[in-house]
Full PDB file with SEQRES, HELIX, SHEET, SSBOND, CRYST1, ORIGX, SCALE, CONECT and MASTER records, all heavy atoms in Angstrom:
SEQRES   1 A   40  ASP GLY ASN ARG LEU LEU ASP ALA ALA SER SER ILE LEU          
SEQRES   2 A   40  GLN THR MET LYS SER VAL SER TYR ARG TYR LEU ASP TYR          
SEQRES   3 A   40  ILE ASP PRO GLU LEU ILE LYS LEU SER SER THR ARG ILE          
SEQRES   4 A   40  ARG                                                          
HELIX    1 AA1 ARG A    4  ALA A    8  1                                   5    
HELIX    2 AA2 SER A   10  LEU A   13  1                                   4    
HELIX    3 AA3 PRO A   29  LYS A   33  1                                   5    
HELIX    4 AA4 SER A   36  ILE A   39  1                                   4    
CRYST1    1.000    1.000    1.000  90.00  90.00  90.00 P 1           1          
ORIGX1      1.000000  0.000000  0.000000        0.00000                         
ORIGX2      0.000000  1.000000  0.000000        0.00000                         
ORIGX3      0.000000  0.000000  1.000000        0.00000                         
SCALE1      1.000000  0.000000  0.000000        0.00000                         
SCALE2      0.000000  1.000000  0.000000        0.00000                         
SCALE3      0.000000  0.000000  1.000000        0.00000                         
ATOM      1  N   ASP A   1      12.395 -41.414 -22.585  1.00  0.00           N  
ATOM      2  CA  ASP A   1      13.538 -40.838 -23.291  1.00  0.00           C  
ATOM      3  C   ASP A   1      14.768 -40.782 -22.383  1.00  0.00           C  
ATOM      4  O   ASP A   1      15.449 -39.753 -22.282  1.00  0.00           O  
ATOM      5  CB  ASP A   1      13.201 -39.432 -23.807  1.00  0.00           C  
ATOM      6  CG  ASP A   1      14.165 -38.987 -24.904  1.00  0.00           C  
ATOM      7  OD1 ASP A   1      14.900 -39.851 -25.411  1.00  0.00           O  
ATOM      8  OD2 ASP A   1      14.180 -37.788 -25.229  1.00  0.00           O  
ATOM      9  N   GLY A   2      15.049 -41.932 -21.705  1.00  0.00           N  
ATOM     10  CA  GLY A   2      16.219 -41.988 -20.836  1.00  0.00           C  
ATOM     11  C   GLY A   2      16.091 -41.050 -19.665  1.00  0.00           C  
ATOM     12  O   GLY A   2      15.006 -40.823 -19.146  1.00  0.00           O  
ATOM     13  N   ASN A   3      17.213 -40.463 -19.235  1.00  0.00           N  
ATOM     14  CA  ASN A   3      17.200 -39.534 -18.106  1.00  0.00           C  
ATOM     15  C   ASN A   3      17.264 -38.079 -18.556  1.00  0.00           C  
ATOM     16  O   ASN A   3      17.387 -37.179 -17.725  1.00  0.00           O  
ATOM     17  CB  ASN A   3      18.375 -39.822 -17.169  1.00  0.00           C  
ATOM     18  CG  ASN A   3      18.210 -41.132 -16.430  1.00  0.00           C  
ATOM     19  OD1 ASN A   3      17.108 -41.477 -16.027  1.00  0.00           O  
ATOM     20  ND2 ASN A   3      19.292 -41.885 -16.282  1.00  0.00           N  
ATOM     21  N   ARG A   4      17.178 -37.840 -19.861  1.00  0.00           N  
ATOM     22  CA  ARG A   4      17.361 -36.487 -20.379  1.00  0.00           C  
ATOM     23  C   ARG A   4      16.371 -35.506 -19.763  1.00  0.00           C  
ATOM     24  O   ARG A   4      16.745 -34.417 -19.322  1.00  0.00           O  
ATOM     25  CB  ARG A   4      17.223 -36.494 -21.900  1.00  0.00           C  
ATOM     26  CG  ARG A   4      17.386 -35.113 -22.546  1.00  0.00           C  
ATOM     27  CD  ARG A   4      17.152 -35.205 -24.041  1.00  0.00           C  
ATOM     28  NE  ARG A   4      15.791 -35.630 -24.338  1.00  0.00           N  
ATOM     29  CZ  ARG A   4      14.745 -34.799 -24.368  1.00  0.00           C  
ATOM     30  NH1 ARG A   4      14.908 -33.511 -24.078  1.00  0.00           N  
ATOM     31  NH2 ARG A   4      13.542 -35.244 -24.672  1.00  0.00           N  
ATOM     32  N   LEU A   5      15.095 -35.900 -19.713  1.00  0.00           N  
ATOM     33  CA  LEU A   5      14.068 -34.988 -19.206  1.00  0.00           C  
ATOM     34  C   LEU A   5      14.220 -34.747 -17.715  1.00  0.00           C  
ATOM     35  O   LEU A   5      14.052 -33.623 -17.239  1.00  0.00           O  
ATOM     36  CB  LEU A   5      12.679 -35.540 -19.524  1.00  0.00           C  
ATOM     37  CG  LEU A   5      12.298 -35.525 -21.006  1.00  0.00           C  
ATOM     38  CD1 LEU A   5      11.008 -36.288 -21.237  1.00  0.00           C  
ATOM     39  CD2 LEU A   5      12.155 -34.101 -21.515  1.00  0.00           C  
ATOM     40  N   LEU A   6      14.539 -35.799 -16.963  1.00  0.00           N  
ATOM     41  CA  LEU A   6      14.719 -35.618 -15.521  1.00  0.00           C  
ATOM     42  C   LEU A   6      15.946 -34.760 -15.229  1.00  0.00           C  
ATOM     43  O   LEU A   6      15.947 -33.971 -14.288  1.00  0.00           O  
ATOM     44  CB  LEU A   6      14.837 -36.976 -14.831  1.00  0.00           C  
ATOM     45  CG  LEU A   6      13.555 -37.814 -14.775  1.00  0.00           C  
ATOM     46  CD1 LEU A   6      13.787 -39.098 -14.003  1.00  0.00           C  
ATOM     47  CD2 LEU A   6      12.418 -37.025 -14.152  1.00  0.00           C  
ATOM     48  N   ASP A   7      16.977 -34.903 -16.026  1.00  0.00           N  
ATOM     49  CA  ASP A   7      18.155 -34.050 -15.846  1.00  0.00           C  
ATOM     50  C   ASP A   7      17.788 -32.587 -16.063  1.00  0.00           C  
ATOM     51  O   ASP A   7      18.241 -31.698 -15.337  1.00  0.00           O  
ATOM     52  CB  ASP A   7      19.262 -34.461 -16.822  1.00  0.00           C  
ATOM     53  CG  ASP A   7      19.883 -35.807 -16.477  1.00  0.00           C  
ATOM     54  OD1 ASP A   7      19.709 -36.252 -15.332  1.00  0.00           O  
ATOM     55  OD2 ASP A   7      20.528 -36.398 -17.360  1.00  0.00           O  
ATOM     56  N   ALA A   8      16.940 -32.341 -17.061  1.00  0.00           N  
ATOM     57  CA  ALA A   8      16.519 -30.967 -17.354  1.00  0.00           C  
ATOM     58  C   ALA A   8      15.657 -30.392 -16.243  1.00  0.00           C  
ATOM     59  O   ALA A   8      15.598 -29.176 -16.058  1.00  0.00           O  
ATOM     60  CB  ALA A   8      15.762 -30.925 -18.680  1.00  0.00           C  
ATOM     61  N   ALA A   9      14.987 -31.261 -15.490  1.00  0.00           N  
ATOM     62  CA  ALA A   9      14.078 -30.815 -14.430  1.00  0.00           C  
ATOM     63  C   ALA A   9      14.693 -30.932 -13.044  1.00  0.00           C  
ATOM     64  O   ALA A   9      13.981 -30.815 -12.046  1.00  0.00           O  
ATOM     65  CB  ALA A   9      12.789 -31.632 -14.481  1.00  0.00           C  
ATOM     66  N   SER A  10      15.998 -31.131 -12.955  1.00  0.00           N  
ATOM     67  CA  SER A  10      16.634 -31.441 -11.669  1.00  0.00           C  
ATOM     68  C   SER A  10      16.385 -30.372 -10.611  1.00  0.00           C  
ATOM     69  O   SER A  10      16.125 -30.686  -9.443  1.00  0.00           O  
ATOM     70  CB  SER A  10      18.140 -31.647 -11.863  1.00  0.00           C  
ATOM     71  OG  SER A  10      18.736 -30.484 -12.416  1.00  0.00           O  
ATOM     72  N   SER A  11      16.432 -29.088 -10.997  1.00  0.00           N  
ATOM     73  CA  SER A  11      16.231 -28.028  -9.998  1.00  0.00           C  
ATOM     74  C   SER A  11      14.809 -28.027  -9.471  1.00  0.00           C  
ATOM     75  O   SER A  11      14.563 -27.734  -8.298  1.00  0.00           O  
ATOM     76  CB  SER A  11      16.574 -26.659 -10.602  1.00  0.00           C  
ATOM     77  OG  SER A  11      15.732 -26.385 -11.713  1.00  0.00           O  
ATOM     78  N   ILE A  12      13.844 -28.361 -10.338  1.00  0.00           N  
ATOM     79  CA  ILE A  12      12.443 -28.431  -9.917  1.00  0.00           C  
ATOM     80  C   ILE A  12      12.225 -29.641  -9.023  1.00  0.00           C  
ATOM     81  O   ILE A  12      11.534 -29.566  -7.999  1.00  0.00           O  
ATOM     82  CB  ILE A  12      11.514 -28.494 -11.139  1.00  0.00           C  
ATOM     83  CG1 ILE A  12      11.675 -27.229 -11.984  1.00  0.00           C  
ATOM     84  CG2 ILE A  12      10.056 -28.655 -10.713  1.00  0.00           C  
ATOM     85  CD1 ILE A  12      10.937 -27.282 -13.306  1.00  0.00           C  
ATOM     86  N   LEU A  13      12.831 -30.770  -9.383  1.00  0.00           N  
ATOM     87  CA  LEU A  13      12.652 -31.996  -8.609  1.00  0.00           C  
ATOM     88  C   LEU A  13      13.134 -31.827  -7.174  1.00  0.00           C  
ATOM     89  O   LEU A  13      12.585 -32.423  -6.254  1.00  0.00           O  
ATOM     90  CB  LEU A  13      13.393 -33.156  -9.280  1.00  0.00           C  
ATOM     91  CG  LEU A  13      12.922 -33.540 -10.686  1.00  0.00           C  
ATOM     92  CD1 LEU A  13      13.797 -34.631 -11.261  1.00  0.00           C  
ATOM     93  CD2 LEU A  13      11.467 -33.982 -10.666  1.00  0.00           C  
ATOM     94  N   GLN A  14      14.147 -30.996  -6.972  1.00  0.00           N  
ATOM     95  CA  GLN A  14      14.684 -30.782  -5.629  1.00  0.00           C  
ATOM     96  C   GLN A  14      13.687 -30.092  -4.711  1.00  0.00           C  
ATOM     97  O   GLN A  14      13.807 -30.165  -3.488  1.00  0.00           O  
ATOM     98  CB  GLN A  14      15.976 -29.965  -5.714  1.00  0.00           C  
ATOM     99  CG  GLN A  14      17.131 -30.722  -6.367  1.00  0.00           C  
ATOM    100  CD  GLN A  14      18.354 -29.850  -6.582  1.00  0.00           C  
ATOM    101  OE1 GLN A  14      18.400 -28.696  -6.127  1.00  0.00           O  
ATOM    102  NE2 GLN A  14      19.345 -30.374  -7.274  1.00  0.00           N  
ATOM    103  N   THR A  15      12.689 -29.425  -5.291  1.00  0.00           N  
ATOM    104  CA  THR A  15      11.685 -28.736  -4.467  1.00  0.00           C  
ATOM    105  C   THR A  15      10.577 -29.680  -4.010  1.00  0.00           C  
ATOM    106  O   THR A  15       9.787 -29.321  -3.149  1.00  0.00           O  
ATOM    107  CB  THR A  15      11.033 -27.571  -5.245  1.00  0.00           C  
ATOM    108  OG1 THR A  15      10.221 -28.095  -6.306  1.00  0.00           O  
ATOM    109  CG2 THR A  15      12.094 -26.654  -5.844  1.00  0.00           C  
ATOM    110  N   MET A  16      10.507 -30.870  -4.607  1.00  0.00           N  
ATOM    111  CA  MET A  16       9.423 -31.794  -4.294  1.00  0.00           C  
ATOM    112  C   MET A  16       9.720 -32.541  -2.999  1.00  0.00           C  
ATOM    113  O   MET A  16      10.742 -33.211  -2.874  1.00  0.00           O  
ATOM    114  CB  MET A  16       9.224 -32.787  -5.446  1.00  0.00           C  
ATOM    115  CG  MET A  16       8.789 -32.124  -6.738  1.00  0.00           C  
ATOM    116  SD  MET A  16       8.560 -33.307  -8.098  1.00  0.00           S  
ATOM    117  CE  MET A  16       8.046 -32.216  -9.434  1.00  0.00           C  
ATOM    118  N   LYS A  17       8.807 -32.399  -2.053  1.00  0.00           N  
ATOM    119  CA  LYS A  17       9.008 -33.003  -0.736  1.00  0.00           C  
ATOM    120  C   LYS A  17       8.950 -34.517  -0.792  1.00  0.00           C  
ATOM    121  O   LYS A  17       9.698 -35.220  -0.101  1.00  0.00           O  
ATOM    122  CB  LYS A  17       7.954 -32.469   0.241  1.00  0.00           C  
ATOM    123  CG  LYS A  17       8.121 -32.976   1.666  1.00  0.00           C  
ATOM    124  CD  LYS A  17       7.073 -32.369   2.580  1.00  0.00           C  
ATOM    125  CE  LYS A  17       7.245 -32.868   4.011  1.00  0.00           C  
ATOM    126  NZ  LYS A  17       6.209 -32.277   4.912  1.00  0.00           N  
ATOM    127  N   SER A  18       8.054 -35.059  -1.621  1.00  0.00           N  
ATOM    128  CA  SER A  18       7.875 -36.507  -1.712  1.00  0.00           C  
ATOM    129  C   SER A  18       7.704 -36.876  -3.179  1.00  0.00           C  
ATOM    130  O   SER A  18       6.721 -36.490  -3.812  1.00  0.00           O  
ATOM    131  CB  SER A  18       6.647 -36.955  -0.910  1.00  0.00           C  
ATOM    132  OG  SER A  18       6.414 -38.334  -1.062  1.00  0.00           O  
ATOM    133  N   VAL A  19       8.669 -37.587  -3.737  1.00  0.00           N  
ATOM    134  CA  VAL A  19       8.635 -37.926  -5.151  1.00  0.00           C  
ATOM    135  C   VAL A  19       9.165 -39.338  -5.351  1.00  0.00           C  
ATOM    136  O   VAL A  19      10.060 -39.788  -4.621  1.00  0.00           O  
ATOM    137  CB  VAL A  19       9.458 -36.903  -5.981  1.00  0.00           C  
ATOM    138  CG1 VAL A  19      10.906 -36.891  -5.558  1.00  0.00           C  
ATOM    139  CG2 VAL A  19       9.319 -37.174  -7.464  1.00  0.00           C  
ATOM    140  N   SER A  20       8.591 -40.059  -6.295  1.00  0.00           N  
ATOM    141  CA  SER A  20       9.100 -41.375  -6.654  1.00  0.00           C  
ATOM    142  C   SER A  20       9.104 -41.492  -8.168  1.00  0.00           C  
ATOM    143  O   SER A  20       8.383 -40.776  -8.869  1.00  0.00           O  
ATOM    144  CB  SER A  20       8.254 -42.493  -6.032  1.00  0.00           C  
ATOM    145  OG  SER A  20       6.909 -42.415  -6.474  1.00  0.00           O  
ATOM    146  N   TYR A  21       9.949 -42.383  -8.673  1.00  0.00           N  
ATOM    147  CA  TYR A  21      10.127 -42.541 -10.108  1.00  0.00           C  
ATOM    148  C   TYR A  21       9.776 -43.965 -10.513  1.00  0.00           C  
ATOM    149  O   TYR A  21      10.115 -44.921  -9.826  1.00  0.00           O  
ATOM    150  CB  TYR A  21      11.574 -42.229 -10.508  1.00  0.00           C  
ATOM    151  CG  TYR A  21      12.034 -40.875 -10.043  1.00  0.00           C  
ATOM    152  CD1 TYR A  21      12.692 -40.721  -8.828  1.00  0.00           C  
ATOM    153  CD2 TYR A  21      11.785 -39.736 -10.806  1.00  0.00           C  
ATOM    154  CE1 TYR A  21      13.099 -39.471  -8.382  1.00  0.00           C  
ATOM    155  CE2 TYR A  21      12.185 -38.486 -10.377  1.00  0.00           C  
ATOM    156  CZ  TYR A  21      12.843 -38.355  -9.161  1.00  0.00           C  
ATOM    157  OH  TYR A  21      13.237 -37.129  -8.733  1.00  0.00           O  
ATOM    158  N   ARG A  22       9.084 -44.075 -11.638  1.00  0.00           N  
ATOM    159  CA  ARG A  22       8.736 -45.393 -12.145  1.00  0.00           C  
ATOM    160  C   ARG A  22       9.176 -45.482 -13.606  1.00  0.00           C  
ATOM    161  O   ARG A  22       9.125 -44.498 -14.342  1.00  0.00           O  
ATOM    162  CB  ARG A  22       7.240 -45.677 -12.011  1.00  0.00           C  
ATOM    163  CG  ARG A  22       6.762 -45.674 -10.556  1.00  0.00           C  
ATOM    164  CD  ARG A  22       5.369 -46.269 -10.421  1.00  0.00           C  
ATOM    165  NE  ARG A  22       5.325 -47.675 -10.764  1.00  0.00           N  
ATOM    166  CZ  ARG A  22       5.675 -48.657  -9.936  1.00  0.00           C  
ATOM    167  NH1 ARG A  22       6.113 -48.387  -8.712  1.00  0.00           N  
ATOM    168  NH2 ARG A  22       5.588 -49.914 -10.316  1.00  0.00           N  
ATOM    169  N   TYR A  23       9.623 -46.664 -13.976  1.00  0.00           N  
ATOM    170  CA  TYR A  23      10.149 -46.896 -15.317  1.00  0.00           C  
ATOM    171  C   TYR A  23       9.443 -48.105 -15.918  1.00  0.00           C  
ATOM    172  O   TYR A  23       9.293 -49.136 -15.251  1.00  0.00           O  
ATOM    173  CB  TYR A  23      11.660 -47.150 -15.267  1.00  0.00           C  
ATOM    174  CG  TYR A  23      12.443 -46.039 -14.615  1.00  0.00           C  
ATOM    175  CD1 TYR A  23      12.609 -45.991 -13.231  1.00  0.00           C  
ATOM    176  CD2 TYR A  23      13.008 -45.020 -15.374  1.00  0.00           C  
ATOM    177  CE1 TYR A  23      13.315 -44.966 -12.621  1.00  0.00           C  
ATOM    178  CE2 TYR A  23      13.719 -43.985 -14.774  1.00  0.00           C  
ATOM    179  CZ  TYR A  23      13.870 -43.964 -13.399  1.00  0.00           C  
ATOM    180  OH  TYR A  23      14.559 -42.950 -12.799  1.00  0.00           O  
ATOM    181  N   LEU A  24       9.042 -47.980 -17.156  1.00  0.00           N  
ATOM    182  CA  LEU A  24       8.390 -49.086 -17.851  1.00  0.00           C  
ATOM    183  C   LEU A  24       9.413 -49.743 -18.785  1.00  0.00           C  
ATOM    184  O   LEU A  24       9.279 -49.737 -20.007  1.00  0.00           O  
ATOM    185  CB  LEU A  24       7.177 -48.578 -18.629  1.00  0.00           C  
ATOM    186  CG  LEU A  24       6.077 -47.937 -17.785  1.00  0.00           C  
ATOM    187  CD1 LEU A  24       4.961 -47.403 -18.666  1.00  0.00           C  
ATOM    188  CD2 LEU A  24       5.517 -48.929 -16.771  1.00  0.00           C  
ATOM    189  N   ASP A  25      10.422 -50.320 -18.179  1.00  0.00           N  
ATOM    190  CA  ASP A  25      11.517 -50.896 -18.956  1.00  0.00           C  
ATOM    191  C   ASP A  25      11.110 -52.145 -19.719  1.00  0.00           C  
ATOM    192  O   ASP A  25      11.814 -52.574 -20.626  1.00  0.00           O  
ATOM    193  CB  ASP A  25      12.693 -51.243 -18.036  1.00  0.00           C  
ATOM    194  CG  ASP A  25      13.293 -50.016 -17.367  1.00  0.00           C  
ATOM    195  OD1 ASP A  25      13.173 -48.928 -17.954  1.00  0.00           O  
ATOM    196  OD2 ASP A  25      13.851 -50.146 -16.269  1.00  0.00           O  
ATOM    197  N   TYR A  26       9.980 -52.746 -19.320  1.00  0.00           N  
ATOM    198  CA  TYR A  26       9.613 -54.035 -19.890  1.00  0.00           C  
ATOM    199  C   TYR A  26       8.741 -53.901 -21.137  1.00  0.00           C  
ATOM    200  O   TYR A  26       8.298 -54.899 -21.693  1.00  0.00           O  
ATOM    201  CB  TYR A  26       8.861 -54.876 -18.851  1.00  0.00           C  
ATOM    202  CG  TYR A  26       7.719 -54.144 -18.180  1.00  0.00           C  
ATOM    203  CD1 TYR A  26       6.442 -54.123 -18.736  1.00  0.00           C  
ATOM    204  CD2 TYR A  26       7.927 -53.459 -16.989  1.00  0.00           C  
ATOM    205  CE1 TYR A  26       5.411 -53.438 -18.137  1.00  0.00           C  
ATOM    206  CE2 TYR A  26       6.895 -52.768 -16.374  1.00  0.00           C  
ATOM    207  CZ  TYR A  26       5.645 -52.765 -16.940  1.00  0.00           C  
ATOM    208  OH  TYR A  26       4.630 -52.077 -16.340  1.00  0.00           O  
ATOM    209  N   ILE A  27       8.460 -52.685 -21.595  1.00  0.00           N  
ATOM    210  CA  ILE A  27       7.652 -52.524 -22.803  1.00  0.00           C  
ATOM    211  C   ILE A  27       8.484 -51.838 -23.876  1.00  0.00           C  
ATOM    212  O   ILE A  27       9.570 -51.314 -23.616  1.00  0.00           O  
ATOM    213  CB  ILE A  27       6.360 -51.723 -22.533  1.00  0.00           C  
ATOM    214  CG1 ILE A  27       6.697 -50.265 -22.184  1.00  0.00           C  
ATOM    215  CG2 ILE A  27       5.546 -52.354 -21.427  1.00  0.00           C  
ATOM    216  CD1 ILE A  27       5.468 -49.396 -22.100  1.00  0.00           C  
ATOM    217  N   ASP A  28       7.967 -51.836 -25.070  1.00  0.00           N  
ATOM    218  CA  ASP A  28       8.642 -51.228 -26.210  1.00  0.00           C  
ATOM    219  C   ASP A  28       8.952 -49.755 -25.909  1.00  0.00           C  
ATOM    220  O   ASP A  28       8.044 -48.970 -25.647  1.00  0.00           O  
ATOM    221  CB  ASP A  28       7.733 -51.332 -27.439  1.00  0.00           C  
ATOM    222  CG  ASP A  28       8.363 -50.765 -28.700  1.00  0.00           C  
ATOM    223  OD1 ASP A  28       9.453 -50.180 -28.619  1.00  0.00           O  
ATOM    224  OD2 ASP A  28       7.747 -50.905 -29.775  1.00  0.00           O  
ATOM    225  N   PRO A  29      10.233 -49.357 -25.938  1.00  0.00           N  
ATOM    226  CA  PRO A  29      10.564 -47.956 -25.633  1.00  0.00           C  
ATOM    227  C   PRO A  29       9.908 -46.967 -26.588  1.00  0.00           C  
ATOM    228  O   PRO A  29       9.663 -45.817 -26.223  1.00  0.00           O  
ATOM    229  CB  PRO A  29      12.095 -47.915 -25.742  1.00  0.00           C  
ATOM    230  CG  PRO A  29      12.486 -49.148 -26.466  1.00  0.00           C  
ATOM    231  CD  PRO A  29      11.426 -50.166 -26.181  1.00  0.00           C  
ATOM    232  N   GLU A  30       9.606 -47.413 -27.804  1.00  0.00           N  
ATOM    233  CA  GLU A  30       8.933 -46.523 -28.746  1.00  0.00           C  
ATOM    234  C   GLU A  30       7.524 -46.176 -28.271  1.00  0.00           C  
ATOM    235  O   GLU A  30       6.990 -45.118 -28.598  1.00  0.00           O  
ATOM    236  CB  GLU A  30       8.885 -47.166 -30.133  1.00  0.00           C  
ATOM    237  CG  GLU A  30      10.246 -47.282 -30.796  1.00  0.00           C  
ATOM    238  CD  GLU A  30      10.941 -45.933 -30.923  1.00  0.00           C  
ATOM    239  OE1 GLU A  30      10.284 -44.966 -31.364  1.00  0.00           O  
ATOM    240  OE2 GLU A  30      12.135 -45.845 -30.585  1.00  0.00           O  
ATOM    241  N   LEU A  31       6.928 -47.086 -27.507  1.00  0.00           N  
ATOM    242  CA  LEU A  31       5.582 -46.837 -26.996  1.00  0.00           C  
ATOM    243  C   LEU A  31       5.602 -45.708 -25.978  1.00  0.00           C  
ATOM    244  O   LEU A  31       4.714 -44.835 -25.979  1.00  0.00           O  
ATOM    245  CB  LEU A  31       5.027 -48.117 -26.364  1.00  0.00           C  
ATOM    246  CG  LEU A  31       3.616 -48.027 -25.755  1.00  0.00           C  
ATOM    247  CD1 LEU A  31       2.608 -47.622 -26.812  1.00  0.00           C  
ATOM    248  CD2 LEU A  31       3.228 -49.362 -25.140  1.00  0.00           C  
ATOM    249  N   ILE A  32       6.592 -45.691 -25.099  1.00  0.00           N  
ATOM    250  CA  ILE A  32       6.678 -44.647 -24.080  1.00  0.00           C  
ATOM    251  C   ILE A  32       6.948 -43.286 -24.714  1.00  0.00           C  
ATOM    252  O   ILE A  32       6.486 -42.251 -24.236  1.00  0.00           O  
ATOM    253  CB  ILE A  32       7.768 -45.006 -23.052  1.00  0.00           C  
ATOM    254  CG1 ILE A  32       7.335 -46.236 -22.267  1.00  0.00           C  
ATOM    255  CG2 ILE A  32       8.023 -43.855 -22.091  1.00  0.00           C  
ATOM    256  CD1 ILE A  32       6.029 -46.073 -21.528  1.00  0.00           C  
ATOM    257  N   LYS A  33       7.687 -43.260 -25.809  1.00  0.00           N  
ATOM    258  CA  LYS A  33       7.983 -41.995 -26.485  1.00  0.00           C  
ATOM    259  C   LYS A  33       6.797 -41.495 -27.313  1.00  0.00           C  
ATOM    260  O   LYS A  33       6.792 -40.351 -27.756  1.00  0.00           O  
ATOM    261  CB  LYS A  33       9.195 -42.165 -27.406  1.00  0.00           C  
ATOM    262  CG  LYS A  33      10.497 -42.478 -26.695  1.00  0.00           C  
ATOM    263  CD  LYS A  33      11.616 -42.653 -27.707  1.00  0.00           C  
ATOM    264  CE  LYS A  33      12.926 -43.046 -27.026  1.00  0.00           C  
ATOM    265  NZ  LYS A  33      14.014 -43.236 -28.011  1.00  0.00           N  
ATOM    266  N   LEU A  34       5.825 -42.356 -27.526  1.00  0.00           N  
ATOM    267  CA  LEU A  34       4.714 -42.039 -28.416  1.00  0.00           C  
ATOM    268  C   LEU A  34       3.900 -40.847 -27.899  1.00  0.00           C  
ATOM    269  O   LEU A  34       3.631 -40.733 -26.709  1.00  0.00           O  
ATOM    270  CB  LEU A  34       3.805 -43.258 -28.548  1.00  0.00           C  
ATOM    271  CG  LEU A  34       2.693 -43.198 -29.584  1.00  0.00           C  
ATOM    272  CD1 LEU A  34       3.285 -43.092 -30.981  1.00  0.00           C  
ATOM    273  CD2 LEU A  34       1.820 -44.430 -29.469  1.00  0.00           C  
ATOM    274  N   SER A  35       3.499 -39.993 -28.804  1.00  0.00           N  
ATOM    275  CA  SER A  35       2.671 -38.840 -28.445  1.00  0.00           C  
ATOM    276  C   SER A  35       1.292 -38.977 -29.072  1.00  0.00           C  
ATOM    277  O   SER A  35       1.121 -39.606 -30.121  1.00  0.00           O  
ATOM    278  CB  SER A  35       3.324 -37.536 -28.931  1.00  0.00           C  
ATOM    279  OG  SER A  35       3.279 -37.457 -30.346  1.00  0.00           O  
ATOM    280  N   SER A  36       0.318 -38.348 -28.423  1.00  0.00           N  
ATOM    281  CA  SER A  36      -1.030 -38.335 -28.984  1.00  0.00           C  
ATOM    282  C   SER A  36      -1.074 -37.553 -30.292  1.00  0.00           C  
ATOM    283  O   SER A  36      -1.922 -37.813 -31.148  1.00  0.00           O  
ATOM    284  CB  SER A  36      -2.015 -37.728 -27.976  1.00  0.00           C  
ATOM    285  OG  SER A  36      -2.176 -38.574 -26.858  1.00  0.00           O  
ATOM    286  N   THR A  37      -0.155 -36.600 -30.456  1.00  0.00           N  
ATOM    287  CA  THR A  37      -0.086 -35.851 -31.708  1.00  0.00           C  
ATOM    288  C   THR A  37       0.172 -36.782 -32.882  1.00  0.00           C  
ATOM    289  O   THR A  37      -0.493 -36.698 -33.929  1.00  0.00           O  
ATOM    290  CB  THR A  37       1.024 -34.789 -31.641  1.00  0.00           C  
ATOM    291  OG1 THR A  37       0.755 -33.891 -30.562  1.00  0.00           O  
ATOM    292  CG2 THR A  37       1.102 -34.011 -32.944  1.00  0.00           C  
ATOM    293  N   ARG A  38       1.114 -37.693 -32.711  1.00  0.00           N  
ATOM    294  CA  ARG A  38       1.407 -38.639 -33.782  1.00  0.00           C  
ATOM    295  C   ARG A  38       0.220 -39.565 -34.035  1.00  0.00           C  
ATOM    296  O   ARG A  38      -0.100 -39.879 -35.181  1.00  0.00           O  
ATOM    297  CB  ARG A  38       2.653 -39.465 -33.443  1.00  0.00           C  
ATOM    298  CG  ARG A  38       3.030 -40.431 -34.556  1.00  0.00           C  
ATOM    299  CD  ARG A  38       4.293 -41.196 -34.222  1.00  0.00           C  
ATOM    300  NE  ARG A  38       5.442 -40.319 -34.120  1.00  0.00           N  
ATOM    301  CZ  ARG A  38       6.678 -40.755 -33.847  1.00  0.00           C  
ATOM    302  NH1 ARG A  38       6.890 -42.051 -33.630  1.00  0.00           N  
ATOM    303  NH2 ARG A  38       7.680 -39.917 -33.791  1.00  0.00           N  
ATOM    304  N   ILE A  39      -0.443 -39.988 -32.959  1.00  0.00           N  
ATOM    305  CA  ILE A  39      -1.618 -40.842 -33.108  1.00  0.00           C  
ATOM    306  C   ILE A  39      -2.680 -40.132 -33.944  1.00  0.00           C  
ATOM    307  O   ILE A  39      -3.282 -40.719 -34.859  1.00  0.00           O  
ATOM    308  CB  ILE A  39      -2.197 -41.223 -31.733  1.00  0.00           C  
ATOM    309  CG1 ILE A  39      -1.222 -42.126 -30.966  1.00  0.00           C  
ATOM    310  CG2 ILE A  39      -3.558 -41.892 -31.877  1.00  0.00           C  
ATOM    311  CD1 ILE A  39      -1.060 -43.495 -31.552  1.00  0.00           C  
ATOM    312  N   ARG A  40      -2.925 -38.873 -33.654  1.00  0.00           N  
ATOM    313  CA  ARG A  40      -3.940 -38.119 -34.404  1.00  0.00           C  
ATOM    314  C   ARG A  40      -3.550 -38.002 -35.876  1.00  0.00           C  
ATOM    315  O   ARG A  40      -4.407 -38.078 -36.761  1.00  0.00           O  
ATOM    316  CB  ARG A  40      -4.136 -36.732 -33.781  1.00  0.00           C  
ATOM    317  CG  ARG A  40      -4.737 -36.755 -32.386  1.00  0.00           C  
ATOM    318  CD  ARG A  40      -5.186 -35.371 -31.953  1.00  0.00           C  
ATOM    319  NE  ARG A  40      -4.097 -34.425 -31.840  1.00  0.00           N  
ATOM    320  CZ  ARG A  40      -3.359 -34.249 -30.743  1.00  0.00           C  
ATOM    321  NH1 ARG A  40      -3.600 -34.983 -29.654  1.00  0.00           N  
ATOM    322  NH2 ARG A  40      -2.396 -33.344 -30.715  1.00  0.00           N  
TER     323      ARG A  40                                                      
MASTER        0    0    0    4    0    0    0    6  322    1    0    4          
END                                                                             
């Protein structure tokens, strides 16, 4: 969902000593947004 969630977590992310970010830009964005709730 873009950077919206990371922006909301910015203060928490600053406390993390070692963090990396990965993006699955090469797959359908609808797949990444998919929830198990919808699957059920």
